[in-house]
Amino acid sequence: MGLRSLLDVAAPAKLNLFLHVVGRRADGYHLLQSVFVLIDWCDTLHFERRADGRLARHDLGAALPDDDLCLRAARLLQAESGTRLGADISIEKHVPWGAGMGGGSSDAASTLLALNRLWGLNLPRERLAALGLKLGADVPFFIGGHNAFVEGIGERLTPLPVPPAWFAVVKPPAAIATSAIFGSPLLVRNTEAVILAGFLADTAGGFGRNDLQAPAEAHCAEVGVAREILQRRFGNARMTGSGSAVFARAGTGAEPTAAMPADLPPGWVGRMCRSQEQHPLVGWAPD
């Protein structure tokens, strides 16, 4: 009969160690270069197989939108495979929403990987990644399973060994609409393209910048405040992705170089995170 359930399925967040906007396509999509690194701040998902084909989501914490990326991912996989099976999907949400850490995309990727296994579909990773791209530009990265140099609109991935490191991450309550950043006159859209060797040669961990940070700070003062808090403690602070979370590299040894600031404003979330060599579900789809 195969598997009946998959419990405690991890969906890790990511950080953009840098994010450059190097151009724009004719259809308006911005062309990016970035390095994505997985961290140990994760959502947890649980899947139980249903024979009636129904898909149902159960929120074990904060309520999610009615039609979130997990349900869309499940429906897409049903349609692609033609399976008559369904699933109950329960989500313990821990990664902050609107942080620029890929939480929703990671949930969708873990859903595709888990249901591919639970339903006995055995679709290859490349096919799942193609489905993931229909859901969002970050989803293929999480399906890929490894830290990566990312180009294009997020679909071109080059697996990359990133040295282990600690990262202090702070998320203010505010969320920033992606349209507000990419529509800002402050956004630099012609940063010179870099080569991977430049990043690999940077032993201090301060390569590049986040081109979205200036318009984000102009739109939301809390982002600048978060950056200043981490800059004072660790140096090298910058925003990740297009959300409001800010991070700083906090060492590469067995312990961070300093503790997380204990005096964050009310409602802010802070966490010391460790980078991950690979995705927890890296073996869940054939290559």
C-alpha atoms as a PDB file:
ATOM      1  CA  MET A   1       0.000   0.000   0.000  1.00  0.00           C
ATOM      2  CA  GLY A   2       3.010   2.304   0.288  1.00  0.00           C
ATOM      3  CA  LEU A   3       3.499   5.171   2.723  1.00  0.00           C
ATOM      4  CA  ARG A   4       0.479   6.468   4.612  1.00  0.00           C
ATOM      5  CA  SER A   5       2.098   9.539   6.181  1.00  0.00           C
ATOM      6  CA  LEU A   6       5.233  11.650   6.304  1.00  0.00           C
ATOM      7  CA  LEU A   7       5.644  13.580   9.545  1.00  0.00           C
ATOM      8  CA  ASP A   8       8.060  16.270  10.716  1.00  0.00           C
ATOM      9  CA  VAL A   9       9.052  17.277   7.189  1.00  0.00           C
ATOM     10  CA  ALA A  10      11.449  20.233   7.262  1.00  0.00           C
ATOM     11  CA  ALA A  11      11.147  23.332   5.075  1.00  0.00           C
ATOM     12  CA  PRO A  12      14.285  25.429   5.719  1.00  0.00           C
ATOM     13  CA  ALA A  13      14.631  29.140   5.066  1.00  0.00           C
ATOM     14  CA  LYS A  14      17.409  30.711   2.996  1.00  0.00           C
ATOM     15  CA  LEU A  15      19.512  33.856   3.057  1.00  0.00           C
ATOM     16  CA  ASN A  16      20.739  35.851   0.065  1.00  0.00           C
ATOM     17  CA  LEU A  17      24.421  36.424   0.846  1.00  0.00           C
ATOM     18  CA  PHE A  18      24.284  39.114  -1.837  1.00  0.00           C
ATOM     19  CA  LEU A  19      21.669  40.120  -4.404  1.00  0.00           C
ATOM     20  CA  HIS A  20      22.533  42.119  -7.515  1.00  0.00           C
ATOM     21  CA  VAL A  21      20.077  43.335 -10.143  1.00  0.00           C
ATOM     22  CA  VAL A  22      22.019  43.073 -13.409  1.00  0.00           C
ATOM     23  CA  GLY A  23      19.341  43.865 -15.965  1.00  0.00           C
ATOM     24  CA  ARG A  24      15.743  43.507 -17.013  1.00  0.00           C
ATOM     25  CA  ARG A  25      13.988  41.274 -19.534  1.00  0.00           C
ATOM     26  CA  ALA A  26      11.637  42.570 -22.189  1.00  0.00           C
ATOM     27  CA  ASP A  27       8.692  41.175 -20.215  1.00  0.00           C
ATOM     28  CA  GLY A  28       9.634  43.317 -17.192  1.00  0.00           C
ATOM     29  CA  TYR A  29      11.190  40.594 -15.028  1.00  0.00           C
ATOM     30  CA  HIS A  30      14.421  41.667 -13.365  1.00  0.00           C
ATOM     31  CA  LEU A  31      17.584  39.638 -13.928  1.00  0.00           C
ATOM     32  CA  LEU A  32      19.401  38.799 -10.719  1.00  0.00           C
ATOM     33  CA  GLN A  33      22.594  37.313  -9.415  1.00  0.00           C
ATOM     34  CA  SER A  34      22.752  35.964  -5.887  1.00  0.00           C
ATOM     35  CA  VAL A  35      24.094  33.255  -3.642  1.00  0.00           C
ATOM     36  CA  PHE A  36      21.383  31.411  -1.707  1.00  0.00           C
ATOM     37  CA  VAL A  37      22.385  29.580   1.448  1.00  0.00           C
ATOM     38  CA  LEU A  38      20.124  27.280   3.477  1.00  0.00           C
ATOM     39  CA  ILE A  39      19.810  27.908   7.211  1.00  0.00           C
ATOM     40  CA  ASP A  40      18.402  25.896  10.115  1.00  0.00           C
ATOM     41  CA  TRP A  41      15.333  28.111  10.654  1.00  0.00           C
ATOM     42  CA  CYS A  42      12.598  25.812   9.392  1.00  0.00           C
ATOM     43  CA  ASP A  43       8.877  25.341   9.060  1.00  0.00           C
ATOM     44  CA  THR A  44       7.627  21.827   9.833  1.00  0.00           C
ATOM     45  CA  LEU A  45       5.030  20.075   7.674  1.00  0.00           C
ATOM     46  CA  HIS A  46       3.089  16.836   8.152  1.00  0.00           C
ATOM     47  CA  PHE A  47       1.446  14.870   5.328  1.00  0.00           C
ATOM     48  CA  GLU A  48      -1.179  12.124   5.510  1.00  0.00           C
ATOM     49  CA  ARG A  49      -2.330  10.336   2.382  1.00  0.00           C
ATOM     50  CA  ARG A  50      -5.998  10.428   1.409  1.00  0.00           C
ATOM     51  CA  ALA A  51      -7.657   8.000  -0.996  1.00  0.00           C
ATOM     52  CA  ASP A  52     -10.460  10.395  -1.981  1.00  0.00           C
ATOM     53  CA  GLY A  53      -8.252  12.853  -3.883  1.00  0.00           C
ATOM     54  CA  ARG A  54      -9.095  15.737  -1.559  1.00  0.00           C
ATOM     55  CA  LEU A  55      -6.440  18.239  -0.501  1.00  0.00           C
ATOM     56  CA  ALA A  56      -6.862  19.883   2.895  1.00  0.00           C
ATOM     57  CA  ARG A  57      -4.502  22.169   4.806  1.00  0.00           C
ATOM     58  CA  HIS A  58      -4.477  22.436   8.590  1.00  0.00           C
ATOM     59  CA  ASP A  59      -2.696  25.362  10.263  1.00  0.00           C
ATOM     60  CA  LEU A  60      -1.036  24.331  13.523  1.00  0.00           C
ATOM     61  CA  GLY A  61       0.019  27.895  14.292  1.00  0.00           C
ATOM     62  CA  ALA A  62      -0.718  31.217  12.639  1.00  0.00           C
ATOM     63  CA  ALA A  63      -3.448  31.079   9.997  1.00  0.00           C
ATOM     64  CA  LEU A  64      -2.193  31.084   6.417  1.00  0.00           C
ATOM     65  CA  PRO A  65      -4.004  32.447   3.347  1.00  0.00           C
ATOM     66  CA  ASP A  66      -6.835  30.215   2.156  1.00  0.00           C
ATOM     67  CA  ASP A  67      -5.016  29.239  -1.042  1.00  0.00           C
ATOM     68  CA  ASP A  68      -1.336  29.205  -0.079  1.00  0.00           C
ATOM     69  CA  LEU A  69       1.624  27.882  -2.083  1.00  0.00           C
ATOM     70  CA  CYS A  70       1.431  24.451  -0.429  1.00  0.00           C
ATOM     71  CA  LEU A  71      -2.086  23.802  -1.714  1.00  0.00           C
ATOM     72  CA  ARG A  72      -1.185  25.217  -5.124  1.00  0.00           C
ATOM     73  CA  ALA A  73       1.872  22.945  -5.232  1.00  0.00           C
ATOM     74  CA  ALA A  74      -0.221  19.903  -4.308  1.00  0.00           C
ATOM     75  CA  ARG A  75      -2.845  20.677  -6.968  1.00  0.00           C
ATOM     76  CA  LEU A  76      -0.145  21.198  -9.581  1.00  0.00           C
ATOM     77  CA  LEU A  77       1.463  17.858  -8.764  1.00  0.00           C
ATOM     78  CA  GLN A  78      -1.932  16.128  -8.906  1.00  0.00           C
ATOM     79  CA  ALA A  79      -2.593  17.593 -12.348  1.00  0.00           C
ATOM     80  CA  GLU A  80       0.899  16.798 -13.638  1.00  0.00           C
ATOM     81  CA  SER A  81       0.870  13.187 -12.448  1.00  0.00           C
ATOM     82  CA  GLY A  82      -2.783  12.301 -12.872  1.00  0.00           C
ATOM     83  CA  THR A  83      -2.856  10.701  -9.427  1.00  0.00           C
ATOM     84  CA  ARG A  84      -6.214  10.119  -7.736  1.00  0.00           C
ATOM     85  CA  LEU A  85      -4.686  10.423  -4.265  1.00  0.00           C
ATOM     86  CA  GLY A  86      -5.016  13.425  -1.988  1.00  0.00           C
ATOM     87  CA  ALA A  87      -3.489  14.554   1.277  1.00  0.00           C
ATOM     88  CA  ASP A  88      -4.010  16.304   4.574  1.00  0.00           C
ATOM     89  CA  ILE A  89      -1.231  18.888   4.949  1.00  0.00           C
ATOM     90  CA  SER A  90      -0.525  20.303   8.410  1.00  0.00           C
ATOM     91  CA  ILE A  91       1.862  23.241   8.786  1.00  0.00           C
ATOM     92  CA  GLU A  92       3.776  24.463  11.816  1.00  0.00           C
ATOM     93  CA  LYS A  93       4.878  27.916  10.665  1.00  0.00           C
ATOM     94  CA  HIS A  94       8.097  29.216  12.247  1.00  0.00           C
ATOM     95  CA  VAL A  95       9.853  31.190   9.495  1.00  0.00           C
ATOM     96  CA  PRO A  96       8.510  34.774   9.516  1.00  0.00           C
ATOM     97  CA  TRP A  97       6.238  35.815   6.683  1.00  0.00           C
ATOM     98  CA  GLY A  98       7.431  38.653   4.420  1.00  0.00           C
ATOM     99  CA  ALA A  99      11.023  38.233   5.561  1.00  0.00           C
ATOM    100  CA  GLY A 100      12.722  37.616   2.208  1.00  0.00           C
ATOM    101  CA  MET A 101      13.824  34.211   3.525  1.00  0.00           C
ATOM    102  CA  GLY A 102      11.779  32.102   1.117  1.00  0.00           C
ATOM    103  CA  GLY A 103       9.476  30.566   3.723  1.00  0.00           C
ATOM    104  CA  GLY A 104       6.460  30.101   1.460  1.00  0.00           C
ATOM    105  CA  SER A 105       8.594  28.890  -1.442  1.00  0.00           C
ATOM    106  CA  SER A 106      10.342  26.412   0.823  1.00  0.00           C
ATOM    107  CA  ASP A 107       6.996  25.090   2.078  1.00  0.00           C
ATOM    108  CA  ALA A 108       5.897  24.588  -1.535  1.00  0.00           C
ATOM    109  CA  ALA A 109       9.139  22.796  -2.421  1.00  0.00           C
ATOM    110  CA  SER A 110       8.882  20.464   0.582  1.00  0.00           C
ATOM    111  CA  THR A 111       5.256  19.789  -0.387  1.00  0.00           C
ATOM    112  CA  LEU A 112       6.275  18.745  -3.907  1.00  0.00           C
ATOM    113  CA  LEU A 113       9.095  16.550  -2.592  1.00  0.00           C
ATOM    114  CA  ALA A 114       6.964  14.970   0.134  1.00  0.00           C
ATOM    115  CA  LEU A 115       3.879  14.267  -1.988  1.00  0.00           C
ATOM    116  CA  ASN A 116       6.048  12.918  -4.799  1.00  0.00           C
ATOM    117  CA  ARG A 117       7.183  10.336  -2.253  1.00  0.00           C
ATOM    118  CA  LEU A 118       3.895   9.837  -0.392  1.00  0.00           C
ATOM    119  CA  TRP A 119       1.967   9.271  -3.606  1.00  0.00           C
ATOM    120  CA  GLY A 120       4.661   6.969  -5.048  1.00  0.00           C
ATOM    121  CA  LEU A 121       5.115   9.133  -8.149  1.00  0.00           C
ATOM    122  CA  ASN A 122       8.936   9.002  -8.291  1.00  0.00           C
ATOM    123  CA  LEU A 123       9.152  12.060 -10.555  1.00  0.00           C
ATOM    124  CA  PRO A 124      12.766  13.196 -11.076  1.00  0.00           C
ATOM    125  CA  ARG A 125      14.108  16.309  -9.397  1.00  0.00           C
ATOM    126  CA  GLU A 126      14.362  18.188 -12.709  1.00  0.00           C
ATOM    127  CA  ARG A 127      10.646  17.713 -13.380  1.00  0.00           C
ATOM    128  CA  LEU A 128       9.721  18.825  -9.860  1.00  0.00           C
ATOM    129  CA  ALA A 129      11.912  21.910 -10.261  1.00  0.00           C
ATOM    130  CA  ALA A 130      10.098  22.808 -13.496  1.00  0.00           C
ATOM    131  CA  LEU A 131       6.800  22.555 -11.642  1.00  0.00           C
ATOM    132  CA  GLY A 132       8.215  24.636  -8.809  1.00  0.00           C
ATOM    133  CA  LEU A 133       9.152  27.451 -11.177  1.00  0.00           C
ATOM    134  CA  LYS A 134       5.456  27.790 -12.068  1.00  0.00           C
ATOM    135  CA  LEU A 135       4.796  28.534  -8.380  1.00  0.00           C
ATOM    136  CA  GLY A 136       7.625  31.001  -7.748  1.00  0.00           C
ATOM    137  CA  ALA A 137      11.182  31.826  -8.750  1.00  0.00           C
ATOM    138  CA  ASP A 138      12.692  30.601  -5.445  1.00  0.00           C
ATOM    139  CA  VAL A 139      10.991  27.185  -5.386  1.00  0.00           C
ATOM    140  CA  PRO A 140      13.479  25.390  -7.724  1.00  0.00           C
ATOM    141  CA  PHE A 141      16.343  26.320  -5.376  1.00  0.00           C
ATOM    142  CA  PHE A 142      14.771  24.456  -2.459  1.00  0.00           C
ATOM    143  CA  ILE A 143      14.013  21.454  -4.686  1.00  0.00           C
ATOM    144  CA  GLY A 144      17.610  21.473  -5.925  1.00  0.00           C
ATOM    145  CA  GLY A 145      18.817  20.640  -2.451  1.00  0.00           C
ATOM    146  CA  HIS A 146      22.115  22.532  -2.341  1.00  0.00           C
ATOM    147  CA  ASN A 147      23.386  26.047  -1.697  1.00  0.00           C
ATOM    148  CA  ALA A 148      23.718  27.734  -5.055  1.00  0.00           C
ATOM    149  CA  PHE A 149      24.822  30.624  -7.217  1.00  0.00           C
ATOM    150  CA  VAL A 150      21.530  31.863  -8.673  1.00  0.00           C
ATOM    151  CA  GLU A 151      21.021  33.772 -11.931  1.00  0.00           C
ATOM    152  CA  GLY A 152      18.259  34.792 -14.324  1.00  0.00           C
ATOM    153  CA  ILE A 153      14.956  35.299 -12.510  1.00  0.00           C
ATOM    154  CA  GLY A 154      15.991  32.579 -10.062  1.00  0.00           C
ATOM    155  CA  GLU A 155      15.784  29.554 -12.330  1.00  0.00           C
ATOM    156  CA  ARG A 156      19.485  29.151 -13.215  1.00  0.00           C
ATOM    157  CA  LEU A 157      21.216  27.341 -10.350  1.00  0.00           C
ATOM    158  CA  THR A 158      24.862  26.391  -9.956  1.00  0.00           C
ATOM    159  CA  PRO A 159      25.426  24.255  -6.824  1.00  0.00           C
ATOM    160  CA  LEU A 160      27.991  25.930  -4.619  1.00  0.00           C
ATOM    161  CA  PRO A 161      29.915  24.752  -1.546  1.00  0.00           C
ATOM    162  CA  VAL A 162      29.431  27.549   0.990  1.00  0.00           C
ATOM    163  CA  PRO A 163      31.686  27.347   4.073  1.00  0.00           C
ATOM    164  CA  PRO A 164      29.728  26.743   7.314  1.00  0.00           C
ATOM    165  CA  ALA A 165      28.871  29.942   9.173  1.00  0.00           C
ATOM    166  CA  TRP A 166      26.642  31.453  11.846  1.00  0.00           C
ATOM    167  CA  PHE A 167      24.171  34.175  10.866  1.00  0.00           C
ATOM    168  CA  ALA A 168      22.318  36.502  13.213  1.00  0.00           C
ATOM    169  CA  VAL A 169      18.887  37.220  11.682  1.00  0.00           C
ATOM    170  CA  VAL A 170      16.458  39.941  12.759  1.00  0.00           C
ATOM    171  CA  LYS A 171      12.943  40.412  11.379  1.00  0.00           C
ATOM    172  CA  PRO A 172      10.957  43.580  12.188  1.00  0.00           C
ATOM    173  CA  PRO A 173       7.140  43.267  12.194  1.00  0.00           C
ATOM    174  CA  ALA A 174       6.764  45.168   8.925  1.00  0.00           C
ATOM    175  CA  ALA A 175       6.365  43.366   5.617  1.00  0.00           C
ATOM    176  CA  ILE A 176       7.312  45.037   2.347  1.00  0.00           C
ATOM    177  CA  ALA A 177       5.436  44.513  -0.915  1.00  0.00           C
ATOM    178  CA  THR A 178       7.839  43.303  -3.595  1.00  0.00           C
ATOM    179  CA  SER A 179       6.184  45.692  -6.057  1.00  0.00           C
ATOM    180  CA  ALA A 180       7.150  48.655  -3.854  1.00  0.00           C
ATOM    181  CA  ILE A 181      10.818  47.709  -4.085  1.00  0.00           C
ATOM    182  CA  PHE A 182      11.028  46.818  -7.756  1.00  0.00           C
ATOM    183  CA  GLY A 183       8.991  49.889  -8.690  1.00  0.00           C
ATOM    184  CA  SER A 184      11.190  52.261  -6.702  1.00  0.00           C
ATOM    185  CA  PRO A 185      13.270  54.905  -8.523  1.00  0.00           C
ATOM    186  CA  LEU A 186      16.042  54.109  -6.014  1.00  0.00           C
ATOM    187  CA  LEU A 187      16.505  50.589  -7.341  1.00  0.00           C
ATOM    188  CA  VAL A 188      19.774  50.065  -9.206  1.00  0.00           C
ATOM    189  CA  ARG A 189      19.055  47.841 -12.198  1.00  0.00           C
ATOM    190  CA  ASN A 190      22.419  47.735 -13.955  1.00  0.00           C
ATOM    191  CA  THR A 191      24.915  46.349 -11.447  1.00  0.00           C
ATOM    192  CA  GLU A 192      27.823  44.807 -13.313  1.00  0.00           C
ATOM    193  CA  ALA A 193      27.533  41.047 -13.529  1.00  0.00           C
ATOM    194  CA  VAL A 194      29.966  39.148 -11.330  1.00  0.00           C
ATOM    195  CA  ILE A 195      31.685  35.836 -11.850  1.00  0.00           C
ATOM    196  CA  LEU A 196      31.501  33.038  -9.333  1.00  0.00           C
ATOM    197  CA  ALA A 197      35.253  33.128  -8.707  1.00  0.00           C
ATOM    198  CA  GLY A 198      34.870  36.569  -7.155  1.00  0.00           C
ATOM    199  CA  PHE A 199      32.533  35.258  -4.486  1.00  0.00           C
ATOM    200  CA  LEU A 200      34.644  32.167  -3.819  1.00  0.00           C
ATOM    201  CA  ALA A 201      37.758  34.312  -3.305  1.00  0.00           C
ATOM    202  CA  ASP A 202      36.048  36.403  -0.600  1.00  0.00           C
ATOM    203  CA  THR A 203      37.189  34.791   2.638  1.00  0.00           C
ATOM    204  CA  ALA A 204      35.792  37.586   4.853  1.00  0.00           C
ATOM    205  CA  GLY A 205      32.182  36.991   3.774  1.00  0.00           C
ATOM    206  CA  GLY A 206      31.393  40.560   2.747  1.00  0.00           C
ATOM    207  CA  PHE A 207      31.067  40.079  -1.007  1.00  0.00           C
ATOM    208  CA  GLY A 208      28.666  42.299  -2.935  1.00  0.00           C
ATOM    209  CA  ARG A 209      25.517  43.919  -1.567  1.00  0.00           C
ATOM    210  CA  ASN A 210      21.741  43.718  -1.764  1.00  0.00           C
ATOM    211  CA  ASP A 211      20.576  46.124  -4.476  1.00  0.00           C
ATOM    212  CA  LEU A 212      17.052  46.004  -3.020  1.00  0.00           C
ATOM    213  CA  GLN A 213      18.155  47.360   0.352  1.00  0.00           C
ATOM    214  CA  ALA A 214      18.160  51.100  -0.457  1.00  0.00           C
ATOM    215  CA  PRO A 215      14.569  51.164  -1.788  1.00  0.00           C
ATOM    216  CA  ALA A 216      13.475  48.888   1.073  1.00  0.00           C
ATOM    217  CA  GLU A 217      14.940  51.186   3.735  1.00  0.00           C
ATOM    218  CA  ALA A 218      13.342  54.200   2.047  1.00  0.00           C
ATOM    219  CA  HIS A 219       9.988  52.417   2.132  1.00  0.00           C
ATOM    220  CA  CYS A 220      10.342  50.952   5.633  1.00  0.00           C
ATOM    221  CA  ALA A 221      12.526  52.628   8.257  1.00  0.00           C
ATOM    222  CA  GLU A 222      12.523  49.484  10.416  1.00  0.00           C
ATOM    223  CA  VAL A 223      14.796  47.738   7.906  1.00  0.00           C
ATOM    224  CA  GLY A 224      17.448  50.393   8.435  1.00  0.00           C
ATOM    225  CA  VAL A 225      17.068  50.168  12.211  1.00  0.00           C
ATOM    226  CA  ALA A 226      17.490  46.383  12.093  1.00  0.00           C
ATOM    227  CA  ARG A 227      20.583  46.748   9.939  1.00  0.00           C
ATOM    228  CA  GLU A 228      22.116  49.252  12.375  1.00  0.00           C
ATOM    229  CA  ILE A 229      21.453  46.944  15.353  1.00  0.00           C
ATOM    230  CA  LEU A 230      23.266  44.033  13.719  1.00  0.00           C
ATOM    231  CA  GLN A 231      25.978  46.240  12.239  1.00  0.00           C
ATOM    232  CA  ARG A 232      26.953  47.460  15.694  1.00  0.00           C
ATOM    233  CA  ARG A 233      27.126  43.931  17.081  1.00  0.00           C
ATOM    234  CA  PHE A 234      28.573  41.950  14.190  1.00  0.00           C
ATOM    235  CA  GLY A 235      29.369  44.249  11.246  1.00  0.00           C
ATOM    236  CA  ASN A 236      28.553  43.253   7.679  1.00  0.00           C
ATOM    237  CA  ALA A 237      24.784  43.567   8.136  1.00  0.00           C
ATOM    238  CA  ARG A 238      22.489  43.547   5.115  1.00  0.00           C
ATOM    239  CA  MET A 239      18.952  42.717   4.057  1.00  0.00           C
ATOM    240  CA  THR A 240      18.094  39.316   2.600  1.00  0.00           C
ATOM    241  CA  GLY A 241      15.896  38.931  -0.473  1.00  0.00           C
ATOM    242  CA  SER A 242      13.108  41.465  -0.895  1.00  0.00           C
ATOM    243  CA  GLY A 243      11.612  41.173   2.585  1.00  0.00           C
ATOM    244  CA  SER A 244      12.314  43.042   5.796  1.00  0.00           C
ATOM    245  CA  ALA A 245      14.671  40.559   7.482  1.00  0.00           C
ATOM    246  CA  VAL A 246      18.295  41.585   7.986  1.00  0.00           C
ATOM    247  CA  PHE A 247      21.231  39.322   8.771  1.00  0.00           C
ATOM    248  CA  ALA A 248      24.879  39.522   9.708  1.00  0.00           C
ATOM    249  CA  ARG A 249      27.586  36.897   9.543  1.00  0.00           C
ATOM    250  CA  ALA A 250      28.420  35.914  13.125  1.00  0.00           C
ATOM    251  CA  GLY A 251      31.464  33.702  12.785  1.00  0.00           C
ATOM    252  CA  THR A 252      32.521  30.334  11.428  1.00  0.00           C
ATOM    253  CA  GLY A 253      33.605  28.477  14.567  1.00  0.00           C
ATOM    254  CA  ALA A 254      31.829  26.131  16.935  1.00  0.00           C
ATOM    255  CA  GLU A 255      30.052  29.089  18.556  1.00  0.00           C
ATOM    256  CA  PRO A 256      28.974  32.537  17.252  1.00  0.00           C
ATOM    257  CA  THR A 257      31.374  35.423  17.848  1.00  0.00           C
ATOM    258  CA  ALA A 258      28.718  37.217  19.941  1.00  0.00           C
ATOM    259  CA  ALA A 259      25.204  36.615  21.241  1.00  0.00           C
ATOM    260  CA  MET A 260      22.039  37.901  19.612  1.00  0.00           C
ATOM    261  CA  PRO A 261      21.046  41.389  20.812  1.00  0.00           C
ATOM    262  CA  ALA A 262      18.739  40.964  23.801  1.00  0.00           C
ATOM    263  CA  ASP A 263      17.059  44.365  23.524  1.00  0.00           C
ATOM    264  CA  LEU A 264      15.178  44.062  20.234  1.00  0.00           C
ATOM    265  CA  PRO A 265      12.039  46.247  20.044  1.00  0.00           C
ATOM    266  CA  PRO A 266       8.709  44.615  20.992  1.00  0.00           C
ATOM    267  CA  GLY A 267       7.289  42.452  18.240  1.00  0.00           C
ATOM    268  CA  TRP A 268      10.637  41.896  16.540  1.00  0.00           C
ATOM    269  CA  VAL A 269      11.986  38.385  15.989  1.00  0.00           C
ATOM    270  CA  GLY A 270      15.663  37.485  16.235  1.00  0.00           C
ATOM    271  CA  ARG A 271      17.445  34.179  15.904  1.00  0.00           C
ATOM    272  CA  MET A 272      20.988  32.871  15.597  1.00  0.00           C
ATOM    273  CA  CYS A 273      21.084  30.501  12.640  1.00  0.00           C
ATOM    274  CA  ARG A 274      23.563  28.020  11.292  1.00  0.00           C
ATOM    275  CA  SER A 275      24.078  27.508   7.575  1.00  0.00           C
ATOM    276  CA  GLN A 276      23.239  24.074   6.180  1.00  0.00           C
ATOM    277  CA  GLU A 277      25.377  22.107   3.746  1.00  0.00           C
ATOM    278  CA  GLN A 278      22.317  20.674   1.984  1.00  0.00           C
ATOM    279  CA  HIS A 279      18.542  20.497   2.176  1.00  0.00           C
ATOM    280  CA  PRO A 280      17.150  17.944   4.680  1.00  0.00           C
ATOM    281  CA  LEU A 281      15.113  16.353   1.844  1.00  0.00           C
ATOM    282  CA  VAL A 282      17.958  16.236  -0.670  1.00  0.00           C
ATOM    283  CA  GLY A 283      17.506  12.475  -1.250  1.00  0.00           C
ATOM    284  CA  TRP A 284      13.740  12.559  -1.658  1.00  0.00           C
ATOM    285  CA  ALA A 285      13.684  12.766  -5.474  1.00  0.00           C
ATOM    286  CA  PRO A 286      15.765  10.885  -8.055  1.00  0.00           C
ATOM    287  CA  ASP A 287      18.283  12.940 -10.030  1.00  0.00           C
END
